[in-house]
Amino acid sequence: MGLFTVPEARAELEQLRPCIDELIALRADAAELAASLTPEGAATTLGGLPELKAAQARLDELMSTIQQTGAELKGFAPLLIDFPAELHGVPVLLCWLEGDEELGWYHRADLGFAGRRPLPR
């Protein structure tokens, strides 16, 4: 996969919104189901092991959908998605973190999340 421009990455993120929203909701359901299956776990109305297995399979599909775009899934909880790009000739990752309203951050590819900065306007 190639590099994204900022507009391309923003458009791809918008296309992925339904997938991201489903992933976040399903992640919570899977966590509740998994907890309910432990000896000290509280009961849930979501189901049991079959529902957990189905949720895990769907989560795998959703994560694959994100990665097939060329984006990199860097975090699961919270969800962190990076889009490989270049700014001023420097390799960067355009960085979206769960809770961000838009794709407004980047970091140099060699620095990681600690080097995260706002995208220039």
PDB file of N, CA and C in Angstrom:
ATOM      1  N   MET A   1       0.844  -1.189   0.000  1.00  0.00           N
ATOM      2  CA  MET A   1       0.000   0.000   0.000  1.00  0.00           C
ATOM      3  C   MET A   1       0.881   1.242   0.000  1.00  0.00           C
ATOM      4  N   GLY A   2       0.374   2.290  -0.593  1.00  0.00           N
ATOM      5  CA  GLY A   2       1.138   3.518  -0.696  1.00  0.00           C
ATOM      6  C   GLY A   2       0.905   4.453   0.479  1.00  0.00           C
ATOM      7  N   LEU A   3       1.373   5.657   0.280  1.00  0.00           N
ATOM      8  CA  LEU A   3       1.212   6.691   1.291  1.00  0.00           C
ATOM      9  C   LEU A   3      -0.112   7.412   1.085  1.00  0.00           C
ATOM     10  N   PHE A   4      -0.637   7.938   2.165  1.00  0.00           N
ATOM     11  CA  PHE A   4      -1.857   8.734   2.126  1.00  0.00           C
ATOM     12  C   PHE A   4      -1.494  10.210   2.125  1.00  0.00           C
ATOM     13  N   THR A   5      -2.275  11.023   1.414  1.00  0.00           N
ATOM     14  CA  THR A   5      -2.228  12.459   1.642  1.00  0.00           C
ATOM     15  C   THR A   5      -3.157  12.718   2.827  1.00  0.00           C
ATOM     16  N   VAL A   6      -3.068  13.903   3.412  1.00  0.00           N
ATOM     17  CA  VAL A   6      -3.965  14.222   4.527  1.00  0.00           C
ATOM     18  C   VAL A   6      -5.429  14.134   4.088  1.00  0.00           C
ATOM     19  N   PRO A   7      -5.820  14.725   2.941  1.00  0.00           N
ATOM     20  CA  PRO A   7      -7.223  14.600   2.516  1.00  0.00           C
ATOM     21  C   PRO A   7      -7.644  13.143   2.274  1.00  0.00           C
ATOM     22  N   GLU A   8      -6.752  12.338   1.688  1.00  0.00           N
ATOM     23  CA  GLU A   8      -7.085  10.922   1.458  1.00  0.00           C
ATOM     24  C   GLU A   8      -7.285  10.180   2.775  1.00  0.00           C
ATOM     25  N   ALA A   9      -6.422  10.435   3.741  1.00  0.00           N
ATOM     26  CA  ALA A   9      -6.541   9.767   5.040  1.00  0.00           C
ATOM     27  C   ALA A   9      -7.829  10.190   5.743  1.00  0.00           C
ATOM     28  N   ARG A  10      -8.156  11.470   5.661  1.00  0.00           N
ATOM     29  CA  ARG A  10      -9.405  11.947   6.283  1.00  0.00           C
ATOM     30  C   ARG A  10     -10.619  11.315   5.610  1.00  0.00           C
ATOM     31  N   ALA A  11     -10.588  11.194   4.289  1.00  0.00           N
ATOM     32  CA  ALA A  11     -11.698  10.574   3.563  1.00  0.00           C
ATOM     33  C   ALA A  11     -11.803   9.092   3.922  1.00  0.00           C
ATOM     34  N   GLU A  12     -10.673   8.415   4.022  1.00  0.00           N
ATOM     35  CA  GLU A  12     -10.675   6.990   4.385  1.00  0.00           C
ATOM     36  C   GLU A  12     -11.213   6.802   5.796  1.00  0.00           C
ATOM     37  N   LEU A  13     -10.824   7.677   6.710  1.00  0.00           N
ATOM     38  CA  LEU A  13     -11.330   7.598   8.084  1.00  0.00           C
ATOM     39  C   LEU A  13     -12.846   7.752   8.100  1.00  0.00           C
ATOM     40  N   GLU A  14     -13.372   8.682   7.317  1.00  0.00           N
ATOM     41  CA  GLU A  14     -14.829   8.867   7.253  1.00  0.00           C
ATOM     42  C   GLU A  14     -15.514   7.622   6.699  1.00  0.00           C
ATOM     43  N   GLN A  15     -14.922   6.999   5.678  1.00  0.00           N
ATOM     44  CA  GLN A  15     -15.472   5.759   5.127  1.00  0.00           C
ATOM     45  C   GLN A  15     -15.467   4.645   6.167  1.00  0.00           C
ATOM     46  N   LEU A  16     -14.457   4.673   7.052  1.00  0.00           N
ATOM     47  CA  LEU A  16     -14.325   3.620   8.064  1.00  0.00           C
ATOM     48  C   LEU A  16     -15.188   3.851   9.302  1.00  0.00           C
ATOM     49  N   ARG A  17     -15.824   5.006   9.422  1.00  0.00           N
ATOM     50  CA  ARG A  17     -16.583   5.322  10.649  1.00  0.00           C
ATOM     51  C   ARG A  17     -17.588   4.233  11.049  1.00  0.00           C
ATOM     52  N   PRO A  18     -18.419   3.714  10.139  1.00  0.00           N
ATOM     53  CA  PRO A  18     -19.351   2.658  10.560  1.00  0.00           C
ATOM     54  C   PRO A  18     -18.612   1.429  11.103  1.00  0.00           C
ATOM     55  N   CYS A  19     -17.519   1.066  10.474  1.00  0.00           N
ATOM     56  CA  CYS A  19     -16.706  -0.075  10.910  1.00  0.00           C
ATOM     57  C   CYS A  19     -16.116   0.206  12.301  1.00  0.00           C
ATOM     58  N   ILE A  20     -15.590   1.421  12.495  1.00  0.00           N
ATOM     59  CA  ILE A  20     -14.999   1.821  13.779  1.00  0.00           C
ATOM     60  C   ILE A  20     -16.058   1.816  14.868  1.00  0.00           C
ATOM     61  N   ASP A  21     -17.223   2.386  14.580  1.00  0.00           N
ATOM     62  CA  ASP A  21     -18.306   2.430  15.573  1.00  0.00           C
ATOM     63  C   ASP A  21     -18.734   1.025  15.988  1.00  0.00           C
ATOM     64  N   GLU A  22     -18.860   0.129  15.010  1.00  0.00           N
ATOM     65  CA  GLU A  22     -19.236  -1.255  15.315  1.00  0.00           C
ATOM     66  C   GLU A  22     -18.145  -1.929  16.143  1.00  0.00           C
ATOM     67  N   LEU A  23     -16.891  -1.695  15.777  1.00  0.00           N
ATOM     68  CA  LEU A  23     -15.779  -2.305  16.500  1.00  0.00           C
ATOM     69  C   LEU A  23     -15.784  -1.869  17.969  1.00  0.00           C
ATOM     70  N   ILE A  24     -15.981  -0.584  18.220  1.00  0.00           N
ATOM     71  CA  ILE A  24     -15.974  -0.068  19.591  1.00  0.00           C
ATOM     72  C   ILE A  24     -17.114  -0.679  20.406  1.00  0.00           C
ATOM     73  N   ALA A  25     -18.310  -0.761  19.822  1.00  0.00           N
ATOM     74  CA  ALA A  25     -19.455  -1.345  20.531  1.00  0.00           C
ATOM     75  C   ALA A  25     -19.237  -2.832  20.787  1.00  0.00           C
ATOM     76  N   LEU A  26     -18.744  -3.532  19.788  1.00  0.00           N
ATOM     77  CA  LEU A  26     -18.527  -4.970  19.902  1.00  0.00           C
ATOM     78  C   LEU A  26     -17.399  -5.287  20.876  1.00  0.00           C
ATOM     79  N   ARG A  27     -16.390  -4.430  20.917  1.00  0.00           N
ATOM     80  CA  ARG A  27     -15.280  -4.599  21.867  1.00  0.00           C
ATOM     81  C   ARG A  27     -15.818  -4.599  23.304  1.00  0.00           C
ATOM     82  N   ALA A  28     -16.742  -3.695  23.592  1.00  0.00           N
ATOM     83  CA  ALA A  28     -17.342  -3.628  24.929  1.00  0.00           C
ATOM     84  C   ALA A  28     -18.169  -4.880  25.219  1.00  0.00           C
ATOM     85  N   ASP A  29     -18.941  -5.325  24.231  1.00  0.00           N
ATOM     86  CA  ASP A  29     -19.730  -6.548  24.414  1.00  0.00           C
ATOM     87  C   ASP A  29     -18.823  -7.747  24.668  1.00  0.00           C
ATOM     88  N   ALA A  30     -17.741  -7.860  23.898  1.00  0.00           N
ATOM     89  CA  ALA A  30     -16.822  -8.989  24.062  1.00  0.00           C
ATOM     90  C   ALA A  30     -16.174  -8.959  25.442  1.00  0.00           C
ATOM     91  N   ALA A  31     -15.809  -7.773  25.910  1.00  0.00           N
ATOM     92  CA  ALA A  31     -15.215  -7.660  27.245  1.00  0.00           C
ATOM     93  C   ALA A  31     -16.203  -8.109  28.314  1.00  0.00           C
ATOM     94  N   GLU A  32     -17.469  -7.707  28.169  1.00  0.00           N
ATOM     95  CA  GLU A  32     -18.503  -8.098  29.142  1.00  0.00           C
ATOM     96  C   GLU A  32     -18.743  -9.602  29.094  1.00  0.00           C
ATOM     97  N   LEU A  33     -18.822 -10.147  27.891  1.00  0.00           N
ATOM     98  CA  LEU A  33     -19.018 -11.597  27.743  1.00  0.00           C
ATOM     99  C   LEU A  33     -17.849 -12.369  28.347  1.00  0.00           C
ATOM    100  N   ALA A  34     -16.627 -11.948  28.064  1.00  0.00           N
ATOM    101  CA  ALA A  34     -15.444 -12.637  28.591  1.00  0.00           C
ATOM    102  C   ALA A  34     -15.434 -12.586  30.112  1.00  0.00           C
ATOM    103  N   ALA A  35     -15.759 -11.430  30.677  1.00  0.00           N
ATOM    104  CA  ALA A  35     -15.774 -11.290  32.135  1.00  0.00           C
ATOM    105  C   ALA A  35     -16.841 -12.187  32.765  1.00  0.00           C
ATOM    106  N   SER A  36     -17.983 -12.330  32.083  1.00  0.00           N
ATOM    107  CA  SER A  36     -19.074 -13.138  32.638  1.00  0.00           C
ATOM    108  C   SER A  36     -18.715 -14.623  32.681  1.00  0.00           C
ATOM    109  N   LEU A  37     -17.730 -15.025  31.878  1.00  0.00           N
ATOM    110  CA  LEU A  37     -17.358 -16.441  31.814  1.00  0.00           C
ATOM    111  C   LEU A  37     -16.285 -16.816  32.830  1.00  0.00           C
ATOM    112  N   THR A  38     -15.792 -15.847  33.589  1.00  0.00           N
ATOM    113  CA  THR A  38     -14.819 -16.152  34.641  1.00  0.00           C
ATOM    114  C   THR A  38     -15.578 -16.596  35.888  1.00  0.00           C
ATOM    115  N   PRO A  39     -14.922 -17.343  36.773  1.00  0.00           N
ATOM    116  CA  PRO A  39     -15.615 -17.830  37.976  1.00  0.00           C
ATOM    117  C   PRO A  39     -16.237 -16.709  38.813  1.00  0.00           C
ATOM    118  N   GLU A  40     -15.566 -15.571  38.888  1.00  0.00           N
ATOM    119  CA  GLU A  40     -16.106 -14.467  39.689  1.00  0.00           C
ATOM    120  C   GLU A  40     -16.902 -13.464  38.860  1.00  0.00           C
ATOM    121  N   GLY A  41     -17.121 -13.784  37.583  1.00  0.00           N
ATOM    122  CA  GLY A  41     -17.787 -12.849  36.684  1.00  0.00           C
ATOM    123  C   GLY A  41     -19.266 -12.685  36.959  1.00  0.00           C
ATOM    124  N   ALA A  42     -19.748 -11.465  36.719  1.00  0.00           N
ATOM    125  CA  ALA A  42     -21.175 -11.174  36.866  1.00  0.00           C
ATOM    126  C   ALA A  42     -21.921 -11.669  35.633  1.00  0.00           C
ATOM    127  N   ALA A  43     -23.157 -12.058  35.835  1.00  0.00           N
ATOM    128  CA  ALA A  43     -23.982 -12.533  34.725  1.00  0.00           C
ATOM    129  C   ALA A  43     -24.227 -11.402  33.735  1.00  0.00           C
ATOM    130  N   THR A  44     -24.438 -11.767  32.485  1.00  0.00           N
ATOM    131  CA  THR A  44     -24.750 -10.789  31.444  1.00  0.00           C
ATOM    132  C   THR A  44     -25.925 -11.305  30.625  1.00  0.00           C
ATOM    133  N   THR A  45     -26.675 -10.386  30.061  1.00  0.00           N
ATOM    134  CA  THR A  45     -27.790 -10.763  29.187  1.00  0.00           C
ATOM    135  C   THR A  45     -27.326 -10.919  27.737  1.00  0.00           C
ATOM    136  N   LEU A  46     -26.015 -10.722  27.497  1.00  0.00           N
ATOM    137  CA  LEU A  46     -25.483 -10.780  26.131  1.00  0.00           C
ATOM    138  C   LEU A  46     -25.300 -12.207  25.631  1.00  0.00           C
ATOM    139  N   GLY A  47     -25.275 -13.182  26.529  1.00  0.00           N
ATOM    140  CA  GLY A  47     -25.104 -14.567  26.112  1.00  0.00           C
ATOM    141  C   GLY A  47     -23.966 -15.226  26.848  1.00  0.00           C
ATOM    142  N   GLY A  48     -23.302 -16.160  26.154  1.00  0.00           N
ATOM    143  CA  GLY A  48     -22.232 -16.927  26.771  1.00  0.00           C
ATOM    144  C   GLY A  48     -21.096 -17.141  25.791  1.00  0.00           C
ATOM    145  N   LEU A  49     -20.485 -18.310  25.879  1.00  0.00           N
ATOM    146  CA  LEU A  49     -19.316 -18.612  25.059  1.00  0.00           C
ATOM    147  C   LEU A  49     -19.585 -18.525  23.550  1.00  0.00           C
ATOM    148  N   PRO A  50     -20.715 -19.049  23.042  1.00  0.00           N
ATOM    149  CA  PRO A  50     -20.954 -18.931  21.595  1.00  0.00           C
ATOM    150  C   PRO A  50     -21.004 -17.470  21.126  1.00  0.00           C
ATOM    151  N   GLU A  51     -21.622 -16.620  21.930  1.00  0.00           N
ATOM    152  CA  GLU A  51     -21.717 -15.206  21.569  1.00  0.00           C
ATOM    153  C   GLU A  51     -20.341 -14.532  21.642  1.00  0.00           C
ATOM    154  N   LEU A  52     -19.541 -14.940  22.627  1.00  0.00           N
ATOM    155  CA  LEU A  52     -18.185 -14.402  22.723  1.00  0.00           C
ATOM    156  C   LEU A  52     -17.366 -14.796  21.504  1.00  0.00           C
ATOM    157  N   LYS A  53     -17.447 -16.058  21.100  1.00  0.00           N
ATOM    158  CA  LYS A  53     -16.701 -16.525  19.919  1.00  0.00           C
ATOM    159  C   LYS A  53     -17.156 -15.766  18.668  1.00  0.00           C
ATOM    160  N   ALA A  54     -18.446 -15.533  18.535  1.00  0.00           N
ATOM    161  CA  ALA A  54     -18.974 -14.784  17.390  1.00  0.00           C
ATOM    162  C   ALA A  54     -18.478 -13.338  17.418  1.00  0.00           C
ATOM    163  N   ALA A  55     -18.460 -12.729  18.597  1.00  0.00           N
ATOM    164  CA  ALA A  55     -17.982 -11.353  18.732  1.00  0.00           C
ATOM    165  C   ALA A  55     -16.503 -11.266  18.370  1.00  0.00           C
ATOM    166  N   GLN A  56     -15.719 -12.228  18.825  1.00  0.00           N
ATOM    167  CA  GLN A  56     -14.291 -12.229  18.521  1.00  0.00           C
ATOM    168  C   GLN A  56     -14.043 -12.390  17.021  1.00  0.00           C
ATOM    169  N   ALA A  57     -14.823 -13.251  16.376  1.00  0.00           N
ATOM    170  CA  ALA A  57     -14.679 -13.447  14.929  1.00  0.00           C
ATOM    171  C   ALA A  57     -15.031 -12.163  14.183  1.00  0.00           C
ATOM    172  N   ARG A  58     -16.099 -11.495  14.600  1.00  0.00           N
ATOM    173  CA  ARG A  58     -16.500 -10.245  13.943  1.00  0.00           C
ATOM    174  C   ARG A  58     -15.467  -9.154  14.196  1.00  0.00           C
ATOM    175  N   LEU A  59     -14.905  -9.095  15.395  1.00  0.00           N
ATOM    176  CA  LEU A  59     -13.848  -8.118  15.682  1.00  0.00           C
ATOM    177  C   LEU A  59     -12.652  -8.323  14.751  1.00  0.00           C
ATOM    178  N   ASP A  60     -12.285  -9.584  14.525  1.00  0.00           N
ATOM    179  CA  ASP A  60     -11.183  -9.889  13.604  1.00  0.00           C
ATOM    180  C   ASP A  60     -11.501  -9.369  12.196  1.00  0.00           C
ATOM    181  N   GLU A  61     -12.745  -9.562  11.744  1.00  0.00           N
ATOM    182  CA  GLU A  61     -13.158  -9.079  10.421  1.00  0.00           C
ATOM    183  C   GLU A  61     -13.063  -7.556  10.338  1.00  0.00           C
ATOM    184  N   LEU A  62     -13.536  -6.883  11.379  1.00  0.00           N
ATOM    185  CA  LEU A  62     -13.533  -5.418  11.392  1.00  0.00           C
ATOM    186  C   LEU A  62     -12.101  -4.883  11.394  1.00  0.00           C
ATOM    187  N   MET A  63     -11.227  -5.502  12.175  1.00  0.00           N
ATOM    188  CA  MET A  63      -9.826  -5.073  12.214  1.00  0.00           C
ATOM    189  C   MET A  63      -9.166  -5.295  10.855  1.00  0.00           C
ATOM    190  N   SER A  64      -9.495  -6.413  10.201  1.00  0.00           N
ATOM    191  CA  SER A  64      -8.958  -6.679   8.861  1.00  0.00           C
ATOM    192  C   SER A  64      -9.447  -5.644   7.867  1.00  0.00           C
ATOM    193  N   THR A  65     -10.707  -5.250   7.964  1.00  0.00           N
ATOM    194  CA  THR A  65     -11.262  -4.227   7.072  1.00  0.00           C
ATOM    195  C   THR A  65     -10.463  -2.934   7.185  1.00  0.00           C
ATOM    196  N   ILE A  66     -10.135  -2.536   8.405  1.00  0.00           N
ATOM    197  CA  ILE A  66      -9.352  -1.316   8.615  1.00  0.00           C
ATOM    198  C   ILE A  66      -7.973  -1.463   7.979  1.00  0.00           C
ATOM    199  N   GLN A  67      -7.320  -2.582   8.227  1.00  0.00           N
ATOM    200  CA  GLN A  67      -5.955  -2.775   7.745  1.00  0.00           C
ATOM    201  C   GLN A  67      -5.887  -2.929   6.224  1.00  0.00           C
ATOM    202  N   GLN A  68      -6.951  -3.414   5.602  1.00  0.00           N
ATOM    203  CA  GLN A  68      -6.964  -3.571   4.145  1.00  0.00           C
ATOM    204  C   GLN A  68      -6.929  -2.241   3.415  1.00  0.00           C
ATOM    205  N   THR A  69      -7.220  -1.143   4.111  1.00  0.00           N
ATOM    206  CA  THR A  69      -7.180   0.182   3.485  1.00  0.00           C
ATOM    207  C   THR A  69      -5.750   0.684   3.347  1.00  0.00           C
ATOM    208  N   GLY A  70      -4.807   0.051   4.044  1.00  0.00           N
ATOM    209  CA  GLY A  70      -3.438   0.543   4.102  1.00  0.00           C
ATOM    210  C   GLY A  70      -3.154   1.250   5.405  1.00  0.00           C
ATOM    211  N   ALA A  71      -4.200   1.479   6.200  1.00  0.00           N
ATOM    212  CA  ALA A  71      -4.025   2.064   7.530  1.00  0.00           C
ATOM    213  C   ALA A  71      -3.432   1.004   8.458  1.00  0.00           C
ATOM    214  N   GLU A  72      -2.802   1.462   9.526  1.00  0.00           N
ATOM    215  CA  GLU A  72      -2.195   0.568  10.496  1.00  0.00           C
ATOM    216  C   GLU A  72      -2.971   0.653  11.808  1.00  0.00           C
ATOM    217  N   LEU A  73      -3.445  -0.478  12.274  1.00  0.00           N
ATOM    218  CA  LEU A  73      -4.161  -0.533  13.546  1.00  0.00           C
ATOM    219  C   LEU A  73      -3.113  -0.703  14.637  1.00  0.00           C
ATOM    220  N   LYS A  74      -2.904   0.351  15.436  1.00  0.00           N
ATOM    221  CA  LYS A  74      -1.828   0.345  16.425  1.00  0.00           C
ATOM    222  C   LYS A  74      -2.322   0.110  17.845  1.00  0.00           C
ATOM    223  N   GLY A  75      -3.611   0.309  18.070  1.00  0.00           N
ATOM    224  CA  GLY A  75      -4.158   0.107  19.404  1.00  0.00           C
ATOM    225  C   GLY A  75      -5.576  -0.389  19.310  1.00  0.00           C
ATOM    226  N   PHE A  76      -5.964  -1.181  20.289  1.00  0.00           N
ATOM    227  CA  PHE A  76      -7.298  -1.785  20.290  1.00  0.00           C
ATOM    228  C   PHE A  76      -8.206  -1.146  21.338  1.00  0.00           C
ATOM    229  N   ALA A  77      -7.643  -0.797  22.480  1.00  0.00           N
ATOM    230  CA  ALA A  77      -8.434  -0.178  23.551  1.00  0.00           C
ATOM    231  C   ALA A  77      -7.539   0.810  24.293  1.00  0.00           C
ATOM    232  N   PRO A  78      -7.550   2.070  23.928  1.00  0.00           N
ATOM    233  CA  PRO A  78      -8.399   2.702  22.920  1.00  0.00           C
ATOM    234  C   PRO A  78      -7.912   2.397  21.499  1.00  0.00           C
ATOM    235  N   LEU A  79      -8.820   2.550  20.576  1.00  0.00           N
ATOM    236  CA  LEU A  79      -8.522   2.321  19.176  1.00  0.00           C
ATOM    237  C   LEU A  79      -7.564   3.405  18.687  1.00  0.00           C
ATOM    238  N   LEU A  80      -6.499   2.984  18.023  1.00  0.00           N
ATOM    239  CA  LEU A  80      -5.501   3.903  17.487  1.00  0.00           C
ATOM    240  C   LEU A  80      -5.195   3.467  16.062  1.00  0.00           C
ATOM    241  N   ILE A  81      -5.415   4.376  15.115  1.00  0.00           N
ATOM    242  CA  ILE A  81      -5.217   4.067  13.702  1.00  0.00           C
ATOM    243  C   ILE A  81      -4.238   5.083  13.119  1.00  0.00           C
ATOM    244  N   ASP A  82      -3.199   4.569  12.452  1.00  0.00           N
ATOM    245  CA  ASP A  82      -2.203   5.408  11.794  1.00  0.00           C
ATOM    246  C   ASP A  82      -2.303   5.233  10.282  1.00  0.00           C
ATOM    247  N   PHE A  83      -2.121   6.330   9.566  1.00  0.00           N
ATOM    248  CA  PHE A  83      -2.121   6.341   8.111  1.00  0.00           C
ATOM    249  C   PHE A  83      -0.732   6.774   7.647  1.00  0.00           C
ATOM    250  N   PRO A  84       0.032   5.886   7.008  1.00  0.00           N
ATOM    251  CA  PRO A  84       1.369   6.256   6.533  1.00  0.00           C
ATOM    252  C   PRO A  84       1.281   7.426   5.544  1.00  0.00           C
ATOM    253  N   ALA A  85       2.166   8.391   5.734  1.00  0.00           N
ATOM    254  CA  ALA A  85       2.147   9.593   4.899  1.00  0.00           C
ATOM    255  C   ALA A  85       3.545  10.208   4.883  1.00  0.00           C
ATOM    256  N   GLU A  86       3.612  11.361   4.252  1.00  0.00           N
ATOM    257  CA  GLU A  86       4.851  12.127   4.226  1.00  0.00           C
ATOM    258  C   GLU A  86       4.478  13.589   4.389  1.00  0.00           C
ATOM    259  N   LEU A  87       5.173  14.276   5.276  1.00  0.00           N
ATOM    260  CA  LEU A  87       4.976  15.715   5.450  1.00  0.00           C
ATOM    261  C   LEU A  87       6.328  16.381   5.258  1.00  0.00           C
ATOM    262  N   HIS A  88       6.409  17.300   4.297  1.00  0.00           N
ATOM    263  CA  HIS A  88       7.651  18.029   4.031  1.00  0.00           C
ATOM    264  C   HIS A  88       8.819  17.077   3.818  1.00  0.00           C
ATOM    265  N   GLY A  89       8.565  15.953   3.131  1.00  0.00           N
ATOM    266  CA  GLY A  89       9.610  14.993   2.814  1.00  0.00           C
ATOM    267  C   GLY A  89      10.005  14.065   3.944  1.00  0.00           C
ATOM    268  N   VAL A  90       9.291  14.140   5.069  1.00  0.00           N
ATOM    269  CA  VAL A  90       9.601  13.307   6.230  1.00  0.00           C
ATOM    270  C   VAL A  90       8.532  12.224   6.375  1.00  0.00           C
ATOM    271  N   PRO A  91       8.919  10.944   6.520  1.00  0.00           N
ATOM    272  CA  PRO A  91       7.923   9.892   6.752  1.00  0.00           C
ATOM    273  C   PRO A  91       7.209  10.119   8.093  1.00  0.00           C
ATOM    274  N   VAL A  92       5.897  10.160   8.030  1.00  0.00           N
ATOM    275  CA  VAL A  92       5.084  10.360   9.233  1.00  0.00           C
ATOM    276  C   VAL A  92       3.916   9.375   9.231  1.00  0.00           C
ATOM    277  N   LEU A  93       3.246   9.320  10.354  1.00  0.00           N
ATOM    278  CA  LEU A  93       1.997   8.579  10.479  1.00  0.00           C
ATOM    279  C   LEU A  93       0.929   9.570  10.906  1.00  0.00           C
ATOM    280  N   LEU A  94      -0.096   9.716  10.081  1.00  0.00           N
ATOM    281  CA  LEU A  94      -1.253  10.524  10.447  1.00  0.00           C
ATOM    282  C   LEU A  94      -2.026   9.704  11.463  1.00  0.00           C
ATOM    283  N   CYS A  95      -2.320  10.288  12.593  1.00  0.00           N
ATOM    284  CA  CYS A  95      -2.687   9.524  13.779  1.00  0.00           C
ATOM    285  C   CYS A  95      -4.092   9.880  14.260  1.00  0.00           C
ATOM    286  N   TRP A  96      -4.969   8.873  14.315  1.00  0.00           N
ATOM    287  CA  TRP A  96      -6.311   9.063  14.869  1.00  0.00           C
ATOM    288  C   TRP A  96      -6.454   8.187  16.104  1.00  0.00           C
ATOM    289  N   LEU A  97      -6.843   8.792  17.208  1.00  0.00           N
ATOM    290  CA  LEU A  97      -7.060   8.095  18.467  1.00  0.00           C
ATOM    291  C   LEU A  97      -8.549   8.132  18.792  1.00  0.00           C
ATOM    292  N   GLU A  98      -9.080   7.006  19.236  1.00  0.00           N
ATOM    293  CA  GLU A  98     -10.490   6.937  19.631  1.00  0.00           C
ATOM    294  C   GLU A  98     -10.836   8.142  20.497  1.00  0.00           C
ATOM    295  N   GLY A  99     -11.900   8.821  20.123  1.00  0.00           N
ATOM    296  CA  GLY A  99     -12.318  10.021  20.831  1.00  0.00           C
ATOM    297  C   GLY A  99     -11.992  11.291  20.053  1.00  0.00           C
ATOM    298  N   ASP A 100     -11.005  11.226  19.143  1.00  0.00           N
ATOM    299  CA  ASP A 100     -10.694  12.377  18.299  1.00  0.00           C
ATOM    300  C   ASP A 100     -11.872  12.630  17.366  1.00  0.00           C
ATOM    301  N   GLU A 101     -12.250  13.890  17.221  1.00  0.00           N
ATOM    302  CA  GLU A 101     -13.338  14.249  16.312  1.00  0.00           C
ATOM    303  C   GLU A 101     -12.928  14.048  14.861  1.00  0.00           C
ATOM    304  N   GLU A 102     -11.653  14.341  14.559  1.00  0.00           N
ATOM    305  CA  GLU A 102     -11.172  14.248  13.186  1.00  0.00           C
ATOM    306  C   GLU A 102      -9.731  13.771  13.199  1.00  0.00           C
ATOM    307  N   LEU A 103      -9.205  13.554  12.021  1.00  0.00           N
ATOM    308  CA  LEU A 103      -7.798  13.197  11.875  1.00  0.00           C
ATOM    309  C   LEU A 103      -7.018  14.505  11.918  1.00  0.00           C
ATOM    310  N   GLY A 104      -6.460  14.833  13.076  1.00  0.00           N
ATOM    311  CA  GLY A 104      -5.807  16.124  13.252  1.00  0.00           C
ATOM    312  C   GLY A 104      -4.409  16.036  13.837  1.00  0.00           C
ATOM    313  N   TRP A 105      -3.836  14.824  13.889  1.00  0.00           N
ATOM    314  CA  TRP A 105      -2.540  14.631  14.525  1.00  0.00           C
ATOM    315  C   TRP A 105      -1.621  13.804  13.641  1.00  0.00           C
ATOM    316  N   TYR A 106      -0.327  13.929  13.886  1.00  0.00           N
ATOM    317  CA  TYR A 106       0.664  13.109  13.200  1.00  0.00           C
ATOM    318  C   TYR A 106       1.853  12.916  14.140  1.00  0.00           C
ATOM    319  N   HIS A 107       2.674  11.957  13.801  1.00  0.00           N
ATOM    320  CA  HIS A 107       3.968  11.827  14.467  1.00  0.00           C
ATOM    321  C   HIS A 107       4.949  11.252  13.466  1.00  0.00           C
ATOM    322  N   ARG A 108       6.210  11.594  13.640  1.00  0.00           N
ATOM    323  CA  ARG A 108       7.222  11.008  12.780  1.00  0.00           C
ATOM    324  C   ARG A 108       7.173   9.500  12.934  1.00  0.00           C
ATOM    325  N   ALA A 109       7.439   8.799  11.843  1.00  0.00           N
ATOM    326  CA  ALA A 109       7.373   7.340  11.864  1.00  0.00           C
ATOM    327  C   ALA A 109       8.351   6.746  12.865  1.00  0.00           C
ATOM    328  N   ASP A 110       9.472   7.423  13.103  1.00  0.00           N
ATOM    329  CA  ASP A 110      10.486   6.891  14.017  1.00  0.00           C
ATOM    330  C   ASP A 110      10.252   7.261  15.473  1.00  0.00           C
ATOM    331  N   LEU A 111       9.274   8.116  15.758  1.00  0.00           N
ATOM    332  CA  LEU A 111       9.055   8.573  17.138  1.00  0.00           C
ATOM    333  C   LEU A 111       7.901   7.869  17.835  1.00  0.00           C
ATOM    334  N   GLY A 112       6.902   7.468  17.094  1.00  0.00           N
ATOM    335  CA  GLY A 112       5.749   6.850  17.738  1.00  0.00           C
ATOM    336  C   GLY A 112       4.849   7.875  18.414  1.00  0.00           C
ATOM    337  N   PHE A 113       3.908   7.369  19.182  1.00  0.00           N
ATOM    338  CA  PHE A 113       2.841   8.184  19.765  1.00  0.00           C
ATOM    339  C   PHE A 113       3.374   9.305  20.654  1.00  0.00           C
ATOM    340  N   ALA A 114       4.504   9.085  21.314  1.00  0.00           N
ATOM    341  CA  ALA A 114       5.071  10.109  22.204  1.00  0.00           C
ATOM    342  C   ALA A 114       5.444  11.376  21.437  1.00  0.00           C
ATOM    343  N   GLY A 115       5.677  11.253  20.128  1.00  0.00           N
ATOM    344  CA  GLY A 115       6.028  12.402  19.303  1.00  0.00           C
ATOM    345  C   GLY A 115       4.848  13.023  18.589  1.00  0.00           C
ATOM    346  N   ARG A 116       3.637  12.732  19.051  1.00  0.00           N
ATOM    347  CA  ARG A 116       2.402  13.171  18.397  1.00  0.00           C
ATOM    348  C   ARG A 116       2.259  14.693  18.453  1.00  0.00           C
ATOM    349  N   ARG A 117       1.951  15.281  17.293  1.00  0.00           N
ATOM    350  CA  ARG A 117       1.784  16.727  17.175  1.00  0.00           C
ATOM    351  C   ARG A 117       0.531  17.036  16.359  1.00  0.00           C
ATOM    352  N   PRO A 118      -0.072  18.221  16.563  1.00  0.00           N
ATOM    353  CA  PRO A 118      -1.214  18.605  15.726  1.00  0.00           C
ATOM    354  C   PRO A 118      -0.764  18.815  14.280  1.00  0.00           C
ATOM    355  N   LEU A 119      -1.597  18.409  13.343  1.00  0.00           N
ATOM    356  CA  LEU A 119      -1.308  18.666  11.928  1.00  0.00           C
ATOM    357  C   LEU A 119      -1.336  20.176  11.680  1.00  0.00           C
ATOM    358  N   PRO A 120      -0.404  20.654  10.862  1.00  0.00           N
ATOM    359  CA  PRO A 120      -0.456  22.087  10.528  1.00  0.00           C
ATOM    360  C   PRO A 120      -1.746  22.411   9.780  1.00  0.00           C
ATOM    361  N   ARG A 121      -2.303  23.562  10.063  1.00  0.00           N
ATOM    362  CA  ARG A 121      -3.559  23.976   9.398  1.00  0.00           C
ATOM    363  C   ARG A 121      -3.287  24.495   8.013  1.00  0.00           C
TER     364      ARG A 121
END
